[in-house]
Amino acid sequence: MIDFDYVLMLSQRDTDINQHLLLLYLLPVSINAKTIVEIGAGQSTFALSAAANATGGEFYSHDLSSDARLRLFPEGEGVLDKEPRYHFVGGDNLETGKNWNKPIDLLFIDSSHTYEGTRAELDLWAKWVGKGGIICCHDTSKSWVDCRKALDDFLLDKKEEFIKVQYENQNGLTILKKL
């Protein structure tokens, strides 16, 4: 099974998210997340799978194609197929999400990269995150204007419900903890 050491190995690779992978592993572990949802697969998929293994939770990765998880990591081919806690959900997450009906402990969004898409994803998926749960959004640095604005506008509507921590490195990572 994928574990912390696997994530540590991935964090040494030169990608657009490697500096965030250990945090993406540690956040769900720190809250003992039982349901982890990812919108947009990639190397984060491996880190979140490892976290689900550590917590005994279930991990659902939504993307248009399962090949997305191999972007910049072709040697990961077949690794997730052996992971019993990993569940790939193919299709547009705004459609597949309409059938979602489970509380979410950790939600990670790294998908559309447009204002409209990011805002729609937040509006659809964040309502499933319970108190004490965490929402992480990648690509929220100042240079990713659309994603950042969508997140900021979402928070204007919900500002009393979240604590926000924002990192600018590697295209940005914003962490929201629901109060």
Foldseek 3Di string as FASTA:
>chain_A
DQAPVNLVVQLVDDDLCSVCLNVLLVVCLVVLWQEEEEEFAACNLSSNLRSCVNSVHAYEYEDQDPCRHCVVNVVCPPVCVPRPRYHYDHDHCLVVLVPDDAAGQEYEYDYDLALVSLLSCCVSPVVSYDAQGKYKYALQAPVSPSNVVSVVVVCVVVVVFWDWDKDRGSNIMIMIHGD
